[in-house]
Amino acid sequence: MTRTVYVNGEYLPEDQAKVSIFDRGFLFADGVYEVTSVLGGKLIDFDGHAVRLERSLKELQMTAPLTKDELLDIHRELVTRNDVTDGMIYLQITRGADADRDFVFPSDDVPSTVVLFTQSKPGLAESPTAQKGIKVISIEDQRWGRRDIKTVQLLYPSMGKMMAKAAGCDDAWMVEDGHVTEGTSNNAYFIKGNTIVTRPLSNDILHGITRAAVLRFAEEAQMKIDERLFTIEEAQGADEAFITSASTFVMPVVEIDGKPVGEGNVGPMATRLREIYLDESRKAAI
């Protein structure tokens, strides 16, 4: 079946969708994005993604081209048209396409480019990877300083994933000034005793929507939260470790730079957090 996508107000077959070669997302990575998961045909954490999208646009001095309700309608329409039960919806907004390439921002009358498409992932929440955990390596964080803005500048994270693949691992945790910032496309954590340790929010990391929900659920489950800087060595010596993202939910980490975390197996607390997150998120899905 040909996938239906959304481009600037139109629903089109994917092979008919086009964006200008002068689009600033293509030329300058001048754009932002969000990924919203779909479980059982419903959207997970949509409100959180919409709020973060608005913040990212403001930080880049871009005007939101659509309201939250309009975006919700488009998301739901794409789910319906593409018969998505489990999967993701990718949304990208760029500063648009001026008449030519220029570093200076175009005038306000140049419309934004808005693109959305679905990715069907049957059984997304039942990923076998969550049963065995993932292995990560550490790499130097060489990204720009405003990682709190969810921009489409993803070349270095992509390179990081390839470094991990070359090392026979699943992902990479980035390190700056001796401390872990985050994974290539996720937030990073370790568990020691009854305490979850993760880096505090700042411009240095993405303010994860799944991160916020998981930490809230963890507190409700009587777990302690310690938001502070931490090292790779601390995480290697932890009882458990995990990552969170919109597409992986809570994913256990069982090895860091070749050293097992805890017993080297998926631990009970990360497993429980994943169960709680999925259960509560499904209840609140729209």
Protein backbone atom coordinates (compact mmCIF):
# COMPACT_ATOMS: atom_id res chain seq x y z
CA MET A 1 0.00 0.00 0.00
CA THR A 2 1.30 3.45 -0.92
CA ARG A 3 1.80 5.58 2.16
CA THR A 4 -0.08 8.85 2.44
CA VAL A 5 1.96 11.79 3.70
CA TYR A 6 1.16 15.41 4.54
CA VAL A 7 2.97 18.27 2.82
CA ASN A 8 1.94 21.90 3.25
CA GLY A 9 -1.78 21.36 3.58
CA GLU A 10 -2.14 18.39 1.22
CA TYR A 11 -2.43 14.65 1.78
CA LEU A 12 -0.43 12.99 -0.98
CA PRO A 13 0.91 9.59 -2.00
CA GLU A 14 4.51 9.55 -0.80
CA ASP A 15 5.86 9.25 -4.35
CA GLN A 16 4.13 12.53 -5.27
CA ALA A 17 5.37 14.54 -2.28
CA LYS A 18 7.86 17.29 -3.09
CA VAL A 19 9.77 20.02 -1.24
CA SER A 20 11.72 22.84 -2.88
CA ILE A 21 15.47 22.48 -3.33
CA PHE A 22 15.69 25.94 -1.73
CA ASP A 23 14.02 24.78 1.48
CA ARG A 24 16.10 25.91 4.43
CA GLY A 25 15.71 22.55 6.12
CA PHE A 26 17.57 21.01 3.18
CA LEU A 27 20.17 23.78 2.83
CA PHE A 28 20.79 24.82 6.44
CA ALA A 29 19.11 22.21 8.71
CA ASP A 30 16.96 25.21 9.64
CA GLY A 31 14.03 23.33 11.08
CA VAL A 32 12.62 21.40 14.00
CA TYR A 33 10.90 18.06 14.37
CA GLU A 34 8.95 15.80 16.71
CA VAL A 35 8.22 12.08 16.72
CA THR A 36 5.01 10.88 18.36
CA SER A 37 4.45 7.19 19.00
CA VAL A 38 1.22 5.40 18.14
CA LEU A 39 0.01 2.44 20.17
CA GLY A 40 -3.32 0.78 19.46
CA GLY A 41 -4.09 3.47 16.91
CA LYS A 42 -3.79 6.25 19.52
CA LEU A 43 -1.19 8.95 20.06
CA ILE A 44 1.19 8.74 23.03
CA ASP A 45 2.16 11.95 24.89
CA PHE A 46 0.86 14.16 22.06
CA ASP A 47 0.38 17.21 24.29
CA GLY A 48 3.96 17.07 25.50
CA HIS A 49 5.31 16.87 21.96
CA ALA A 50 3.12 19.79 20.89
CA VAL A 51 4.36 21.96 23.77
CA ARG A 52 8.00 21.14 23.04
CA LEU A 53 7.47 21.83 19.33
CA GLU A 54 6.14 25.29 20.14
CA ARG A 55 9.15 25.96 22.36
CA SER A 56 11.61 24.82 19.68
CA LEU A 57 9.97 27.10 17.11
CA LYS A 58 10.14 30.09 19.46
CA GLU A 59 13.80 29.45 20.24
CA LEU A 60 14.53 29.63 16.50
CA GLN A 61 12.30 32.70 16.03
CA MET A 62 9.87 30.76 13.87
CA THR A 63 6.11 31.26 13.92
CA ALA A 64 4.02 28.16 14.46
CA PRO A 65 2.21 27.57 11.14
CA LEU A 66 -0.51 25.39 12.70
CA THR A 67 -2.33 25.25 16.01
CA LYS A 68 -2.09 22.27 18.34
CA ASP A 69 -5.61 21.21 17.40
CA GLU A 70 -4.80 21.41 13.70
CA LEU A 71 -1.72 19.28 14.24
CA LEU A 72 -3.74 16.77 16.23
CA ASP A 73 -6.25 16.50 13.39
CA ILE A 74 -3.45 15.87 10.88
CA HIS A 75 -1.86 13.22 13.09
CA ARG A 76 -5.16 11.41 13.49
CA GLU A 77 -5.93 11.64 9.78
CA LEU A 78 -2.57 10.10 8.89
CA VAL A 79 -3.12 7.28 11.37
CA THR A 80 -6.48 6.58 9.76
CA ARG A 81 -5.37 6.90 6.13
CA ASN A 82 -2.34 4.67 6.67
CA ASP A 83 -4.12 2.21 8.98
CA VAL A 84 -1.39 2.53 11.63
CA THR A 85 -1.94 0.45 14.74
CA ASP A 86 1.56 0.70 16.23
CA GLY A 87 4.27 3.02 14.97
CA MET A 88 5.33 6.62 14.82
CA ILE A 89 4.43 9.92 13.21
CA TYR A 90 7.30 12.17 12.15
CA LEU A 91 6.62 15.92 11.99
CA GLN A 92 9.04 18.46 10.54
CA ILE A 93 8.67 22.23 10.25
CA THR A 94 11.31 24.32 8.49
CA ARG A 95 11.68 28.04 7.88
CA GLY A 96 10.51 27.44 4.34
CA ALA A 97 11.89 28.01 0.87
CA ASP A 98 13.07 31.49 -0.12
CA ALA A 99 13.76 32.47 -3.74
CA ASP A 100 17.44 31.51 -3.43
CA ARG A 101 20.07 30.32 -0.95
CA ASP A 102 20.94 32.97 1.66
CA PHE A 103 22.26 32.69 5.21
CA VAL A 104 19.98 35.54 6.29
CA PHE A 105 16.51 34.45 7.39
CA PRO A 106 13.82 35.07 4.76
CA SER A 107 11.08 37.61 5.35
CA ASP A 108 8.07 36.62 7.45
CA ASP A 109 5.86 36.25 4.38
CA VAL A 110 7.80 33.13 3.29
CA PRO A 111 5.62 30.25 4.52
CA SER A 112 7.01 27.44 6.64
CA THR A 113 7.35 23.98 5.17
CA VAL A 114 5.31 21.41 7.10
CA VAL A 115 5.80 17.69 6.50
CA LEU A 116 4.36 14.69 8.36
CA PHE A 117 4.59 11.00 7.62
CA THR A 118 3.87 7.73 9.41
CA GLN A 119 6.12 4.76 10.13
CA SER A 120 4.29 1.54 10.85
CA LYS A 121 5.99 -0.58 13.53
CA PRO A 122 3.78 -3.55 14.45
CA GLY A 123 4.41 -4.72 18.00
CA LEU A 124 6.40 -1.57 18.84
CA ALA A 125 5.81 -1.92 22.59
CA GLU A 126 6.66 -5.64 22.56
CA SER A 127 10.16 -5.18 21.18
CA PRO A 128 12.33 -8.25 21.91
CA THR A 129 15.24 -5.89 22.45
CA ALA A 130 13.64 -4.75 25.71
CA GLN A 131 13.92 -8.33 26.98
CA LYS A 132 17.68 -8.55 26.41
CA GLY A 133 18.74 -4.90 26.73
CA ILE A 134 21.16 -2.91 24.63
CA LYS A 135 24.91 -2.33 24.62
CA VAL A 136 26.32 1.19 24.35
CA ILE A 137 29.70 2.79 23.80
CA SER A 138 30.83 6.24 24.89
CA ILE A 139 31.86 8.91 22.41
CA GLU A 140 32.85 12.56 22.63
CA ASP A 141 29.89 14.94 22.37
CA GLN A 142 30.67 17.16 19.38
CA ARG A 143 27.24 18.71 18.81
CA TRP A 144 26.34 22.40 18.94
CA GLY A 145 25.43 23.95 22.28
CA ARG A 146 21.62 24.23 21.96
CA ARG A 147 20.65 20.58 22.28
CA ASP A 148 17.47 21.58 24.10
CA ILE A 149 16.03 22.68 20.74
CA LYS A 150 14.84 19.65 18.78
CA THR A 151 16.37 20.64 15.46
CA VAL A 152 16.95 18.50 12.39
CA GLN A 153 20.72 18.88 12.85
CA LEU A 154 21.25 15.16 13.42
CA LEU A 155 24.45 14.39 11.53
CA TYR A 156 26.63 13.79 14.59
CA PRO A 157 24.05 11.61 16.37
CA SER A 158 23.81 9.61 13.14
CA MET A 159 27.60 9.28 13.09
CA GLY A 160 27.45 8.18 16.73
CA LYS A 161 25.03 5.39 15.90
CA MET A 162 27.38 4.25 13.13
CA MET A 163 30.32 4.27 15.59
CA ALA A 164 28.27 2.05 17.88
CA LYS A 165 27.37 -0.27 15.02
CA ALA A 166 31.02 -0.55 14.01
CA ALA A 167 31.83 -1.54 17.60
CA GLY A 168 29.16 -4.24 17.57
CA CYS A 169 26.89 -2.25 19.89
CA ASP A 170 23.44 -0.70 19.70
CA ASP A 171 23.94 2.94 20.58
CA ALA A 172 26.32 5.54 21.99
CA TRP A 173 26.28 7.76 25.06
CA MET A 174 27.88 11.12 24.47
CA VAL A 175 30.36 12.57 26.95
CA GLU A 176 31.33 16.20 27.49
CA ASP A 177 33.87 17.44 30.06
CA GLY A 178 33.95 13.98 31.57
CA HIS A 179 30.20 13.65 32.08
CA VAL A 180 27.47 11.88 30.12
CA THR A 181 25.11 14.22 28.30
CA GLU A 182 22.69 11.81 26.60
CA GLY A 183 22.38 9.06 24.02
CA THR A 184 22.35 9.74 20.30
CA SER A 185 18.55 9.93 20.26
CA ASN A 186 17.57 9.37 23.88
CA ASN A 187 18.08 10.40 27.49
CA ALA A 188 20.46 8.34 29.66
CA TYR A 189 20.07 7.02 33.23
CA PHE A 190 21.48 4.60 35.75
CA ILE A 191 19.99 3.08 38.90
CA LYS A 192 21.86 2.58 42.17
CA GLY A 193 19.84 1.07 44.98
CA ASN A 194 16.46 2.79 44.84
CA THR A 195 17.76 5.94 43.12
CA ILE A 196 17.58 6.90 39.46
CA VAL A 197 20.42 9.20 38.38
CA THR A 198 20.12 11.33 35.24
CA ARG A 199 21.56 14.59 33.99
CA PRO A 200 19.51 17.69 34.90
CA LEU A 201 17.69 19.70 32.27
CA SER A 202 19.68 22.49 30.59
CA ASN A 203 20.72 23.57 27.11
CA ASP A 204 23.06 20.55 27.10
CA ILE A 205 20.37 17.90 26.58
CA LEU A 206 17.00 17.46 24.97
CA HIS A 207 14.10 17.91 27.37
CA GLY A 208 12.66 14.47 26.69
CA ILE A 209 8.88 14.06 26.77
CA THR A 210 9.27 10.40 27.71
CA ARG A 211 11.90 11.44 30.27
CA ALA A 212 9.43 13.71 32.06
CA ALA A 213 6.73 11.04 32.16
CA VAL A 214 9.06 8.26 33.34
CA LEU A 215 10.51 10.37 36.16
CA ARG A 216 6.99 11.30 37.28
CA PHE A 217 5.92 7.67 37.31
CA ALA A 218 9.13 6.68 39.14
CA GLU A 219 8.43 9.17 41.92
CA GLU A 220 4.89 7.85 42.22
CA ALA A 221 6.39 4.37 42.58
CA GLN A 222 8.47 5.63 45.55
CA MET A 223 11.77 5.68 43.66
CA LYS A 224 14.24 8.48 44.36
CA ILE A 225 15.39 10.81 41.57
CA ASP A 226 18.86 12.41 41.58
CA GLU A 227 19.30 14.84 38.68
CA ARG A 228 23.03 15.51 38.50
CA LEU A 229 26.08 15.08 36.31
CA PHE A 230 27.51 11.57 36.17
CA THR A 231 30.37 9.73 34.55
CA ILE A 232 30.60 6.62 32.41
CA GLU A 233 32.43 4.90 35.28
CA GLU A 234 29.53 5.59 37.66
CA ALA A 235 27.07 4.12 35.19
CA GLN A 236 29.26 1.05 34.67
CA GLY A 237 29.21 0.47 38.44
CA ALA A 238 25.45 0.84 38.75
CA ASP A 239 22.87 -1.84 39.46
CA GLU A 240 20.98 -1.03 36.26
CA ALA A 241 20.97 1.49 33.41
CA PHE A 242 18.46 2.49 30.77
CA ILE A 243 17.49 5.03 28.14
CA THR A 244 14.18 6.68 27.29
CA SER A 245 12.77 8.03 24.05
CA ALA A 246 9.45 8.29 22.24
CA SER A 247 10.23 5.26 20.09
CA THR A 248 11.99 2.99 22.62
CA PHE A 249 9.99 4.01 25.73
CA VAL A 250 12.17 2.62 28.56
CA MET A 251 15.00 0.49 27.17
CA PRO A 252 17.42 -1.31 29.53
CA VAL A 253 21.18 -0.91 29.00
CA VAL A 254 23.17 -4.00 29.97
CA GLU A 255 26.69 -3.06 28.82
CA ILE A 256 28.69 0.19 28.62
CA ASP A 257 32.04 0.29 26.83
CA GLY A 258 32.35 -3.48 27.07
CA LYS A 259 31.64 -3.68 30.80
CA PRO A 260 28.42 -5.25 32.09
CA VAL A 261 26.05 -3.12 34.13
CA GLY A 262 25.11 -5.02 37.28
CA GLU A 263 24.84 -8.69 36.34
CA GLY A 264 24.81 -7.82 32.66
CA ASN A 265 21.13 -8.66 32.37
CA VAL A 266 17.92 -6.65 32.18
CA GLY A 267 17.13 -5.56 35.74
CA PRO A 268 13.81 -5.54 37.59
CA MET A 269 13.51 -1.79 38.11
CA ALA A 270 14.00 -0.81 34.46
CA THR A 271 11.58 -3.57 33.50
CA ARG A 272 9.01 -2.26 35.96
CA LEU A 273 9.44 1.34 34.78
CA ARG A 274 8.83 0.22 31.20
CA GLU A 275 5.67 -1.60 32.26
CA ILE A 276 4.38 1.39 34.22
CA TYR A 277 5.16 3.84 31.42
CA LEU A 278 3.43 1.76 28.76
CA ASP A 279 0.42 1.06 30.96
CA GLU A 280 -0.10 4.69 31.98
CA SER A 281 0.63 6.05 28.52
CA ARG A 282 -1.90 3.75 26.91
CA LYS A 283 -4.52 4.92 29.41
CA ALA A 284 -3.82 8.56 28.54
CA ALA A 285 -3.43 8.07 24.75
CA ILE A 286 -5.67 10.13 22.48
